[in-house]
């Protein structure tokens, strides 16, 4: 989440600052094969994501994806708000 914000993507609001409470850091993982090596999704993250109209199987909260363990070929898409 912090790496995305530091890169200048204003579309990623991340209002709660990584507190796993707002979902404004919602992203899609573009390469589904990477889901096996990403940190496992906790129940709280899953419940929050499933409440969104734009939820997909590839949805994650970027605040739960720690940058120092991310693969170099990780590509994320920031969902468009409807």
N, C-alpha and C. Protein backbone atom coordinates (compact mmCIF):
# COMPACT_ATOMS: atom_id res chain seq x y z
N UNK A 1 0.82 -1.18 0.00
CA UNK A 1 0.00 0.00 0.00
C UNK A 1 0.87 1.25 0.00
N UNK A 2 1.85 1.29 0.88
CA UNK A 2 2.71 2.47 0.97
C UNK A 2 3.54 2.64 -0.30
N UNK A 3 3.98 1.55 -0.90
CA UNK A 3 4.76 1.63 -2.14
C UNK A 3 3.91 2.19 -3.26
N UNK A 4 2.64 1.80 -3.33
CA UNK A 4 1.74 2.31 -4.36
C UNK A 4 1.50 3.81 -4.14
N UNK A 5 1.23 4.19 -2.92
CA UNK A 5 0.99 5.61 -2.63
C UNK A 5 2.23 6.44 -2.91
N UNK A 6 3.40 5.92 -2.55
CA UNK A 6 4.65 6.64 -2.77
C UNK A 6 4.97 6.80 -4.26
N UNK A 7 4.38 5.92 -5.08
CA UNK A 7 4.60 5.99 -6.53
C UNK A 7 3.72 7.05 -7.18
N UNK A 8 2.83 7.66 -6.42
CA UNK A 8 2.03 8.75 -6.93
C UNK A 8 0.67 8.38 -7.47
N UNK A 9 0.17 7.20 -7.15
CA UNK A 9 -1.16 6.80 -7.60
C UNK A 9 -2.20 7.34 -6.63
N UNK A 10 -2.77 8.46 -6.98
CA UNK A 10 -3.75 9.12 -6.12
C UNK A 10 -5.06 8.35 -6.03
N UNK A 11 -5.30 7.43 -6.96
CA UNK A 11 -6.53 6.65 -6.96
C UNK A 11 -6.61 5.71 -5.77
N UNK A 12 -5.48 5.36 -5.17
CA UNK A 12 -5.46 4.48 -4.02
C UNK A 12 -5.49 5.34 -2.75
N UNK A 13 -6.65 5.48 -2.16
CA UNK A 13 -6.81 6.40 -1.04
C UNK A 13 -6.17 5.91 0.25
N UNK A 14 -6.38 4.63 0.59
CA UNK A 14 -5.81 4.05 1.81
C UNK A 14 -6.08 4.94 3.03
N UNK A 15 -7.33 5.26 3.23
CA UNK A 15 -7.72 6.22 4.27
C UNK A 15 -7.41 5.78 5.69
N UNK A 16 -7.50 4.49 5.98
CA UNK A 16 -7.27 4.05 7.36
C UNK A 16 -5.79 3.81 7.65
N UNK A 17 -4.93 4.02 6.66
CA UNK A 17 -3.49 3.89 6.88
C UNK A 17 -3.04 2.48 7.15
N UNK A 18 -3.74 1.50 6.65
CA UNK A 18 -3.34 0.11 6.82
C UNK A 18 -4.01 -0.58 7.99
N UNK A 19 -5.07 -0.02 8.51
CA UNK A 19 -5.76 -0.57 9.67
C UNK A 19 -6.75 -1.67 9.35
N UNK A 20 -6.86 -2.06 8.09
CA UNK A 20 -7.78 -3.13 7.67
C UNK A 20 -9.21 -2.82 8.07
N UNK A 21 -9.60 -1.54 7.88
CA UNK A 21 -10.95 -1.18 8.29
C UNK A 21 -11.76 -0.44 7.23
N UNK A 22 -11.13 0.06 6.17
CA UNK A 22 -11.91 0.87 5.23
C UNK A 22 -11.98 0.27 3.83
N UNK A 23 -10.99 -0.46 3.41
CA UNK A 23 -11.00 -1.07 2.09
C UNK A 23 -10.63 -0.14 0.96
N UNK A 24 -10.18 1.07 1.25
CA UNK A 24 -9.84 2.02 0.19
C UNK A 24 -8.47 1.75 -0.43
N UNK A 25 -7.84 0.66 -0.05
CA UNK A 25 -6.59 0.24 -0.68
C UNK A 25 -6.81 -1.04 -1.49
N UNK A 26 -8.06 -1.28 -1.88
CA UNK A 26 -8.46 -2.45 -2.65
C UNK A 26 -7.73 -2.47 -3.99
N UNK A 27 -7.15 -3.63 -4.33
CA UNK A 27 -6.48 -3.83 -5.61
C UNK A 27 -6.85 -5.21 -6.16
N UNK A 28 -6.59 -5.40 -7.45
CA UNK A 28 -6.72 -6.71 -8.07
C UNK A 28 -5.31 -7.21 -8.39
N UNK A 29 -5.02 -8.46 -8.08
CA UNK A 29 -3.76 -9.09 -8.45
C UNK A 29 -3.94 -9.58 -9.88
N UNK A 30 -3.14 -9.04 -10.80
CA UNK A 30 -3.34 -9.33 -12.22
C UNK A 30 -2.83 -10.71 -12.64
N UNK A 31 -1.89 -11.27 -11.91
CA UNK A 31 -1.35 -12.59 -12.24
C UNK A 31 -1.83 -13.60 -11.20
N UNK A 32 -2.88 -14.37 -11.51
CA UNK A 32 -3.46 -15.29 -10.53
C UNK A 32 -2.48 -16.35 -10.02
N UNK A 33 -1.46 -16.67 -10.80
CA UNK A 33 -0.47 -17.66 -10.36
C UNK A 33 0.30 -17.18 -9.13
N UNK A 34 0.37 -15.89 -8.94
CA UNK A 34 1.09 -15.35 -7.79
C UNK A 34 0.34 -15.52 -6.48
N UNK A 35 -0.95 -15.81 -6.55
CA UNK A 35 -1.73 -15.93 -5.32
C UNK A 35 -1.19 -17.03 -4.41
N UNK A 36 -0.48 -17.98 -4.98
CA UNK A 36 0.10 -19.07 -4.17
C UNK A 36 1.26 -18.60 -3.31
N UNK A 37 1.94 -17.53 -3.73
CA UNK A 37 3.10 -17.08 -2.96
C UNK A 37 2.85 -15.79 -2.18
N UNK A 38 1.69 -15.18 -2.39
CA UNK A 38 1.35 -13.99 -1.61
C UNK A 38 0.92 -14.41 -0.20
N UNK A 39 1.02 -13.51 0.76
CA UNK A 39 0.54 -13.83 2.11
C UNK A 39 -0.93 -14.27 2.05
N UNK A 40 -1.26 -15.28 2.81
CA UNK A 40 -2.63 -15.79 2.83
C UNK A 40 -3.60 -14.74 3.34
N UNK A 41 -4.78 -14.69 2.72
CA UNK A 41 -5.78 -13.72 3.12
C UNK A 41 -6.43 -14.15 4.44
N UNK A 42 -6.45 -13.24 5.39
CA UNK A 42 -7.10 -13.50 6.67
C UNK A 42 -8.62 -13.32 6.51
N UNK A 43 -9.38 -13.88 7.40
CA UNK A 43 -10.84 -13.83 7.33
C UNK A 43 -11.38 -12.39 7.34
N UNK A 44 -10.79 -11.53 8.14
CA UNK A 44 -11.24 -10.14 8.23
C UNK A 44 -11.10 -9.42 6.89
N UNK A 45 -9.97 -9.64 6.22
CA UNK A 45 -9.76 -9.05 4.89
C UNK A 45 -10.78 -9.59 3.89
N UNK A 46 -11.00 -10.90 3.91
CA UNK A 46 -11.94 -11.53 2.99
C UNK A 46 -13.35 -11.00 3.19
N UNK A 47 -13.79 -10.90 4.42
CA UNK A 47 -15.13 -10.39 4.71
C UNK A 47 -15.31 -8.96 4.21
N UNK A 48 -14.32 -8.12 4.43
CA UNK A 48 -14.40 -6.74 3.97
C UNK A 48 -14.46 -6.68 2.45
N UNK A 49 -13.60 -7.42 1.78
CA UNK A 49 -13.57 -7.41 0.32
C UNK A 49 -14.87 -7.95 -0.28
N UNK A 50 -15.40 -9.00 0.29
CA UNK A 50 -16.62 -9.59 -0.26
C UNK A 50 -17.83 -8.67 -0.13
N UNK A 51 -17.74 -7.64 0.68
CA UNK A 51 -18.84 -6.69 0.82
C UNK A 51 -18.85 -5.64 -0.30
N UNK A 52 -17.82 -5.59 -1.12
CA UNK A 52 -17.72 -4.61 -2.20
C UNK A 52 -18.42 -5.10 -3.45
N UNK A 53 -19.08 -4.20 -4.16
CA UNK A 53 -19.72 -4.53 -5.43
C UNK A 53 -18.70 -4.93 -6.49
N UNK A 54 -17.49 -4.40 -6.41
CA UNK A 54 -16.47 -4.69 -7.41
C UNK A 54 -15.48 -5.78 -6.96
N UNK A 55 -15.91 -6.61 -6.03
CA UNK A 55 -15.09 -7.73 -5.56
C UNK A 55 -14.86 -8.74 -6.69
N UNK A 56 -13.64 -9.25 -6.77
CA UNK A 56 -13.27 -10.34 -7.68
C UNK A 56 -12.46 -11.37 -6.88
N UNK A 57 -12.29 -12.53 -7.46
CA UNK A 57 -11.45 -13.55 -6.82
C UNK A 57 -10.01 -13.05 -6.64
N UNK A 58 -9.60 -12.12 -7.48
CA UNK A 58 -8.23 -11.59 -7.43
C UNK A 58 -8.11 -10.37 -6.52
N UNK A 59 -9.17 -10.02 -5.81
CA UNK A 59 -9.15 -8.85 -4.93
C UNK A 59 -8.26 -9.08 -3.72
N UNK A 60 -7.55 -8.03 -3.34
CA UNK A 60 -6.78 -8.00 -2.10
C UNK A 60 -6.76 -6.58 -1.58
N UNK A 61 -6.45 -6.44 -0.30
CA UNK A 61 -6.18 -5.13 0.27
C UNK A 61 -4.67 -4.94 0.24
N UNK A 62 -4.24 -3.89 -0.43
CA UNK A 62 -2.79 -3.71 -0.58
C UNK A 62 -2.09 -3.49 0.76
N UNK A 63 -2.83 -3.06 1.78
CA UNK A 63 -2.22 -2.88 3.10
C UNK A 63 -1.82 -4.22 3.72
N UNK A 64 -2.34 -5.31 3.18
CA UNK A 64 -2.02 -6.64 3.70
C UNK A 64 -0.94 -7.34 2.89
N UNK A 65 -0.44 -6.68 1.86
CA UNK A 65 0.62 -7.24 1.01
C UNK A 65 1.92 -6.51 1.33
N UNK A 66 2.78 -7.16 2.08
CA UNK A 66 4.01 -6.52 2.51
C UNK A 66 5.01 -6.45 1.36
N UNK A 67 5.49 -5.27 1.08
CA UNK A 67 6.35 -4.99 -0.06
C UNK A 67 7.64 -5.79 -0.06
N UNK A 68 8.27 -6.01 1.06
CA UNK A 68 9.56 -6.69 1.09
C UNK A 68 9.47 -8.17 0.74
N UNK A 69 8.29 -8.73 0.64
CA UNK A 69 8.15 -10.14 0.27
C UNK A 69 7.41 -10.32 -1.07
N UNK A 70 7.21 -9.24 -1.80
CA UNK A 70 6.48 -9.32 -3.06
C UNK A 70 7.40 -9.73 -4.20
N UNK A 71 6.90 -10.57 -5.09
CA UNK A 71 7.69 -10.95 -6.27
C UNK A 71 7.86 -9.76 -7.21
N UNK A 72 8.96 -9.75 -7.95
CA UNK A 72 9.24 -8.65 -8.87
C UNK A 72 8.20 -8.52 -9.97
N UNK A 73 7.56 -9.63 -10.34
CA UNK A 73 6.60 -9.58 -11.44
C UNK A 73 5.16 -9.36 -10.98
N UNK A 74 4.98 -8.90 -9.76
CA UNK A 74 3.65 -8.62 -9.24
C UNK A 74 3.07 -7.40 -9.95
N UNK A 75 1.88 -7.57 -10.53
CA UNK A 75 1.16 -6.46 -11.15
C UNK A 75 -0.19 -6.33 -10.47
N UNK A 76 -0.52 -5.10 -10.10
CA UNK A 76 -1.78 -4.82 -9.43
C UNK A 76 -2.59 -3.83 -10.26
N UNK A 77 -3.91 -3.97 -10.16
CA UNK A 77 -4.82 -3.02 -10.82
C UNK A 77 -5.66 -2.37 -9.74
N UNK A 78 -5.79 -1.06 -9.80
CA UNK A 78 -6.61 -0.34 -8.86
C UNK A 78 -8.03 -0.30 -9.42
N UNK A 79 -9.01 -0.85 -8.70
CA UNK A 79 -10.39 -0.87 -9.19
C UNK A 79 -10.94 0.53 -9.44
N UNK A 80 -11.73 0.66 -10.46
CA UNK A 80 -12.41 1.91 -10.77
C UNK A 80 -13.66 1.99 -9.90
N UNK A 81 -13.82 3.10 -9.21
CA UNK A 81 -15.02 3.29 -8.39
C UNK A 81 -16.21 3.54 -9.29
N UNK A 82 -17.34 2.93 -8.94
CA UNK A 82 -18.56 3.09 -9.73
C UNK A 82 -19.43 4.17 -9.16
